[in-house]
Amino acid sequence: MTAIAMWFGRFGVIVPVLAMAGSLAAKKRIAAGAGTMPTHGPLFVVLLIGTVLLVGALNYVPALALGPVIEHLTLFAAH
């Protein structure tokens, strides 16, 4: 049963993602309008790098914030 669950868990995600990719690939391209953000300028690069750094920082901040608390608790637990 575990193997069947793993198989469905794997392909249960892959099939809808491939269906969405096929749907997006079949759409016709539209011309860029006034609200389209260009992806070849420095603003896009700065926003992309900022987003990557922000998401990366949010992954490590909880561990950095809880580190001193855990160390304090382990000092008192040893006595």
N, C-alpha and C. Protein backbone atom coordinates (compact mmCIF):
# COMPACT_ATOMS: atom_id res chain seq x y z
N MET A 1 0.82 -1.19 0.00
CA MET A 1 0.00 0.00 0.00
C MET A 1 0.87 1.26 0.00
N THR A 2 2.00 1.20 0.69
CA THR A 2 2.87 2.37 0.71
C THR A 2 3.42 2.67 -0.67
N ALA A 3 3.78 1.62 -1.41
CA ALA A 3 4.30 1.83 -2.76
C ALA A 3 3.23 2.44 -3.66
N ILE A 4 2.00 1.99 -3.51
CA ILE A 4 0.90 2.55 -4.31
C ILE A 4 0.67 4.00 -3.94
N ALA A 5 0.71 4.31 -2.65
CA ALA A 5 0.53 5.69 -2.20
C ALA A 5 1.65 6.58 -2.73
N MET A 6 2.89 6.06 -2.71
CA MET A 6 4.01 6.84 -3.25
C MET A 6 3.86 7.05 -4.75
N TRP A 7 3.40 6.03 -5.44
CA TRP A 7 3.22 6.14 -6.89
C TRP A 7 2.17 7.19 -7.21
N PHE A 8 1.03 7.14 -6.52
CA PHE A 8 -0.01 8.13 -6.76
C PHE A 8 0.43 9.52 -6.29
N GLY A 9 1.19 9.58 -5.21
CA GLY A 9 1.70 10.86 -4.75
C GLY A 9 2.65 11.49 -5.74
N ARG A 10 3.43 10.68 -6.42
CA ARG A 10 4.37 11.19 -7.40
C ARG A 10 3.65 11.62 -8.68
N PHE A 11 2.87 10.71 -9.24
CA PHE A 11 2.24 11.00 -10.52
C PHE A 11 0.97 11.82 -10.37
N GLY A 12 0.42 11.85 -9.17
CA GLY A 12 -0.75 12.69 -8.92
C GLY A 12 -0.41 14.16 -9.01
N VAL A 13 0.87 14.50 -8.82
CA VAL A 13 1.32 15.88 -8.95
C VAL A 13 1.84 16.14 -10.36
N ILE A 14 2.53 15.18 -10.93
CA ILE A 14 3.16 15.38 -12.24
C ILE A 14 2.11 15.58 -13.34
N VAL A 15 1.06 14.79 -13.32
CA VAL A 15 0.06 14.87 -14.39
C VAL A 15 -0.63 16.23 -14.44
N PRO A 16 -1.13 16.79 -13.33
CA PRO A 16 -1.73 18.13 -13.42
C PRO A 16 -0.74 19.22 -13.83
N VAL A 17 0.51 19.11 -13.38
CA VAL A 17 1.51 20.11 -13.76
C VAL A 17 1.78 20.04 -15.25
N LEU A 18 1.88 18.85 -15.80
CA LEU A 18 2.07 18.72 -17.25
C LEU A 18 0.85 19.22 -18.01
N ALA A 19 -0.34 19.00 -17.46
CA ALA A 19 -1.56 19.51 -18.11
C ALA A 19 -1.57 21.03 -18.12
N MET A 20 -1.17 21.65 -17.01
CA MET A 20 -1.10 23.12 -16.97
C MET A 20 -0.04 23.64 -17.93
N ALA A 21 1.11 22.96 -18.00
CA ALA A 21 2.16 23.39 -18.92
C ALA A 21 1.69 23.29 -20.36
N GLY A 22 0.98 22.21 -20.69
CA GLY A 22 0.45 22.08 -22.05
C GLY A 22 -0.57 23.15 -22.36
N SER A 23 -1.41 23.48 -21.38
CA SER A 23 -2.41 24.53 -21.58
C SER A 23 -1.74 25.89 -21.80
N LEU A 24 -0.70 26.19 -21.02
CA LEU A 24 0.00 27.46 -21.19
C LEU A 24 0.76 27.49 -22.52
N ALA A 25 1.32 26.37 -22.93
CA ALA A 25 2.05 26.33 -24.20
C ALA A 25 1.12 26.51 -25.38
N ALA A 26 -0.14 26.09 -25.25
CA ALA A 26 -1.08 26.19 -26.36
C ALA A 26 -1.67 27.59 -26.51
N LYS A 27 -1.52 28.43 -25.50
CA LYS A 27 -2.09 29.79 -25.57
C LYS A 27 -1.33 30.64 -26.57
N LYS A 28 -2.04 31.55 -27.17
CA LYS A 28 -1.41 32.47 -28.11
C LYS A 28 -0.75 33.61 -27.34
N ARG A 29 0.38 34.07 -27.86
CA ARG A 29 1.08 35.19 -27.23
C ARG A 29 0.36 36.49 -27.55
N ILE A 30 0.32 37.36 -26.57
CA ILE A 30 -0.27 38.67 -26.78
C ILE A 30 0.84 39.71 -26.69
N ALA A 31 0.61 40.83 -27.29
CA ALA A 31 1.61 41.90 -27.30
C ALA A 31 1.74 42.51 -25.91
N ALA A 32 2.94 42.95 -25.60
CA ALA A 32 3.17 43.60 -24.31
C ALA A 32 2.42 44.92 -24.26
N GLY A 33 1.77 45.16 -23.13
CA GLY A 33 1.01 46.39 -22.97
C GLY A 33 1.69 47.33 -21.99
N ALA A 34 0.94 48.34 -21.58
CA ALA A 34 1.50 49.33 -20.66
C ALA A 34 1.73 48.74 -19.28
N GLY A 35 1.00 47.71 -18.90
CA GLY A 35 1.14 47.12 -17.58
C GLY A 35 2.12 45.96 -17.53
N THR A 36 2.80 45.69 -18.62
CA THR A 36 3.73 44.57 -18.66
C THR A 36 5.08 45.01 -18.13
N MET A 37 5.62 44.23 -17.18
CA MET A 37 6.94 44.54 -16.64
C MET A 37 8.01 43.90 -17.51
N PRO A 38 8.95 44.69 -18.02
CA PRO A 38 10.01 44.11 -18.84
C PRO A 38 10.96 43.26 -17.98
N THR A 39 11.39 42.16 -18.54
CA THR A 39 12.27 41.25 -17.80
C THR A 39 13.73 41.37 -18.25
N HIS A 40 14.05 42.39 -18.97
CA HIS A 40 15.43 42.55 -19.45
C HIS A 40 16.10 43.80 -18.90
N GLY A 41 15.51 44.41 -17.88
CA GLY A 41 16.08 45.63 -17.33
C GLY A 41 16.65 45.43 -15.93
N PRO A 42 17.32 46.43 -15.42
CA PRO A 42 17.91 46.32 -14.08
C PRO A 42 16.85 46.26 -12.97
N LEU A 43 15.70 46.85 -13.17
CA LEU A 43 14.65 46.78 -12.14
C LEU A 43 14.21 45.35 -11.89
N PHE A 44 14.04 44.58 -12.93
CA PHE A 44 13.64 43.18 -12.79
C PHE A 44 14.73 42.40 -12.06
N VAL A 45 15.98 42.65 -12.40
CA VAL A 45 17.09 41.94 -11.77
C VAL A 45 17.14 42.26 -10.28
N VAL A 46 16.99 43.53 -9.93
CA VAL A 46 17.02 43.92 -8.52
C VAL A 46 15.85 43.30 -7.76
N LEU A 47 14.66 43.33 -8.33
CA LEU A 47 13.50 42.74 -7.66
C LEU A 47 13.64 41.22 -7.52
N LEU A 48 14.19 40.57 -8.52
CA LEU A 48 14.39 39.13 -8.45
C LEU A 48 15.41 38.76 -7.38
N ILE A 49 16.53 39.45 -7.36
CA ILE A 49 17.56 39.18 -6.34
C ILE A 49 17.03 39.50 -4.95
N GLY A 50 16.29 40.59 -4.82
CA GLY A 50 15.70 40.94 -3.53
C GLY A 50 14.72 39.89 -3.04
N THR A 51 13.91 39.36 -3.95
CA THR A 51 12.96 38.32 -3.57
C THR A 51 13.67 37.05 -3.14
N VAL A 52 14.71 36.66 -3.87
CA VAL A 52 15.46 35.46 -3.50
C VAL A 52 16.13 35.63 -2.14
N LEU A 53 16.72 36.79 -1.89
CA LEU A 53 17.36 37.04 -0.59
C LEU A 53 16.34 37.08 0.53
N LEU A 54 15.18 37.67 0.29
CA LEU A 54 14.13 37.75 1.31
C LEU A 54 13.61 36.37 1.67
N VAL A 55 13.33 35.56 0.68
CA VAL A 55 12.82 34.21 0.95
C VAL A 55 13.91 33.38 1.65
N GLY A 56 15.14 33.53 1.23
CA GLY A 56 16.23 32.83 1.90
C GLY A 56 16.41 33.26 3.34
N ALA A 57 16.30 34.55 3.59
CA ALA A 57 16.42 35.06 4.97
C ALA A 57 15.27 34.56 5.83
N LEU A 58 14.07 34.51 5.28
CA LEU A 58 12.93 34.04 6.06
C LEU A 58 13.04 32.56 6.39
N ASN A 59 13.85 31.81 5.66
CA ASN A 59 14.08 30.41 6.00
C ASN A 59 15.02 30.28 7.19
N TYR A 60 15.97 31.19 7.37
CA TYR A 60 16.98 31.06 8.41
C TYR A 60 16.69 31.89 9.65
N VAL A 61 15.88 32.93 9.56
CA VAL A 61 15.63 33.80 10.71
C VAL A 61 15.02 33.06 11.90
N PRO A 62 14.04 32.18 11.71
CA PRO A 62 13.50 31.48 12.90
C PRO A 62 14.57 30.67 13.63
N ALA A 63 15.45 30.00 12.91
CA ALA A 63 16.50 29.21 13.56
C ALA A 63 17.49 30.13 14.28
N LEU A 64 17.81 31.26 13.69
CA LEU A 64 18.74 32.19 14.32
C LEU A 64 18.12 32.83 15.55
N ALA A 65 16.82 33.08 15.50
CA ALA A 65 16.14 33.70 16.64
C ALA A 65 15.95 32.71 17.78
N LEU A 66 15.72 31.45 17.47
CA LEU A 66 15.48 30.46 18.52
C LEU A 66 16.76 29.84 19.06
N GLY A 67 17.87 30.04 18.40
CA GLY A 67 19.13 29.46 18.85
C GLY A 67 19.52 29.86 20.26
N PRO A 68 19.54 31.16 20.59
CA PRO A 68 19.87 31.55 21.97
C PRO A 68 18.86 31.04 23.00
N VAL A 69 17.62 30.94 22.64
CA VAL A 69 16.60 30.43 23.57
C VAL A 69 16.87 28.97 23.89
N ILE A 70 17.15 28.17 22.87
CA ILE A 70 17.43 26.75 23.07
C ILE A 70 18.72 26.57 23.88
N GLU A 71 19.72 27.39 23.59
CA GLU A 71 20.97 27.29 24.34
C GLU A 71 20.74 27.61 25.81
N HIS A 72 19.94 28.61 26.09
CA HIS A 72 19.62 28.98 27.47
C HIS A 72 18.89 27.83 28.17
N LEU A 73 17.96 27.21 27.48
CA LEU A 73 17.22 26.10 28.09
C LEU A 73 18.10 24.88 28.32
N THR A 74 19.04 24.63 27.44
CA THR A 74 19.93 23.47 27.61
C THR A 74 20.93 23.70 28.74
N LEU A 75 21.29 24.95 29.01
CA LEU A 75 22.18 25.23 30.15
C LEU A 75 21.50 24.87 31.48
N PHE A 76 20.22 25.21 31.60
CA PHE A 76 19.51 24.91 32.82
C PHE A 76 19.08 23.45 32.90
N ALA A 77 18.95 22.78 31.79
CA ALA A 77 18.56 21.38 31.80
C ALA A 77 19.72 20.49 32.23
N ALA A 78 20.95 20.94 32.05
CA ALA A 78 22.12 20.13 32.40
C ALA A 78 22.34 20.08 33.91
N HIS A 79 21.82 21.05 34.65
CA HIS A 79 22.05 21.11 36.12
C HIS A 79 21.02 20.34 36.83
